[in-house]
């Protein structure tokens, strides 16, 4: 009798697991069918700050991305410290220039705006701001977001906004954690939408395993995808999950929250000890080279997420101009093949 009851429990658990697996499979198939009519659209992120760290001429780097690599979709930051060097006095010259050059080439831009942007130290607070005064930060951040939105809301080259970058991730970057709250992000989202409700807004998460279920949510959720990274405790570490895991995540976000999903950062640059700006070419090959780049492309395609931004354009350019053009050429070949 005990064995019969035990076998019955095993059967019930097995059936329950099978049902859950079947439901998740159907969910993923649904997402795949929804996105089956669209082609993969690979864009690229660019940071003038990162280009400068390599000693590159950032404008030449940017133009090479457009003219040599032929990217038609770019994600660029509006860095707060460069945008508003004096309180209430805005300098849009860098952002204007990048958007104007993209327009000349019929490229489209996602403009990243907010406290926390792409590239370390993540939070680019202006010198005049007391970053530890949460209320002062929030008030001025919302004013800045509104100013940027007003500047570009009628510019057709700006196809979408990205509000903040991995805002709720508090374990990376130099940002006072008290400024990075759901409430603060919700207020900024309200501010941006009050100025421009015509464009989709991307909110991003960095946790390779988590879900942004506590909100706020906008129109599109961005996932970052890194494969091989450096960890001070473990050394080089390779994330174990397959691209199908992100397919499952995207399917859930779409079904439950009506979200479009994109990959806002697909690793295409090295990540080694002391930051990739300070490692040798030989060291960089441990985490990124043309072969690993194409493996990451195939990994991204496993996700069925069609909107993907590559990460590493400043590094490719620097490598090219220091005698190692392999990554630059690999990306150019990939883009040319479409």
Foldseek 3Di string as FASTA:
>chain_A
DVVVVVVVVVVVVVVVVVVVVVVLVVLLVVLLVVLVVDAFQEAAEAELVLLVLLVHPRVVLLVCCCPVLNGQEYEYEDAAQQQPLDQPDGDCPVVVVSLVSSVVRNHAYAYEAFQADDDALRGRHHPVFDLVPLVRRLVSRLVRLLVVCLVCLPPVRHQAYEYGAQLQDDPHHDHDNVNRDQVSSVVSVVSNCVSHVPHWYEYEHEPPQDAPPVDDDTAAYEYEDFAWAQDPVPGIDGDDDFLCSLSSRQSCCCVPPVHQYEHEEQEAWFHHPPGPSPDDPVRRVVRHFLVVNVVSVVRPVSSSRRHYYYYDSSVCVSCVVVPHNRSVVSSSVVSVVD
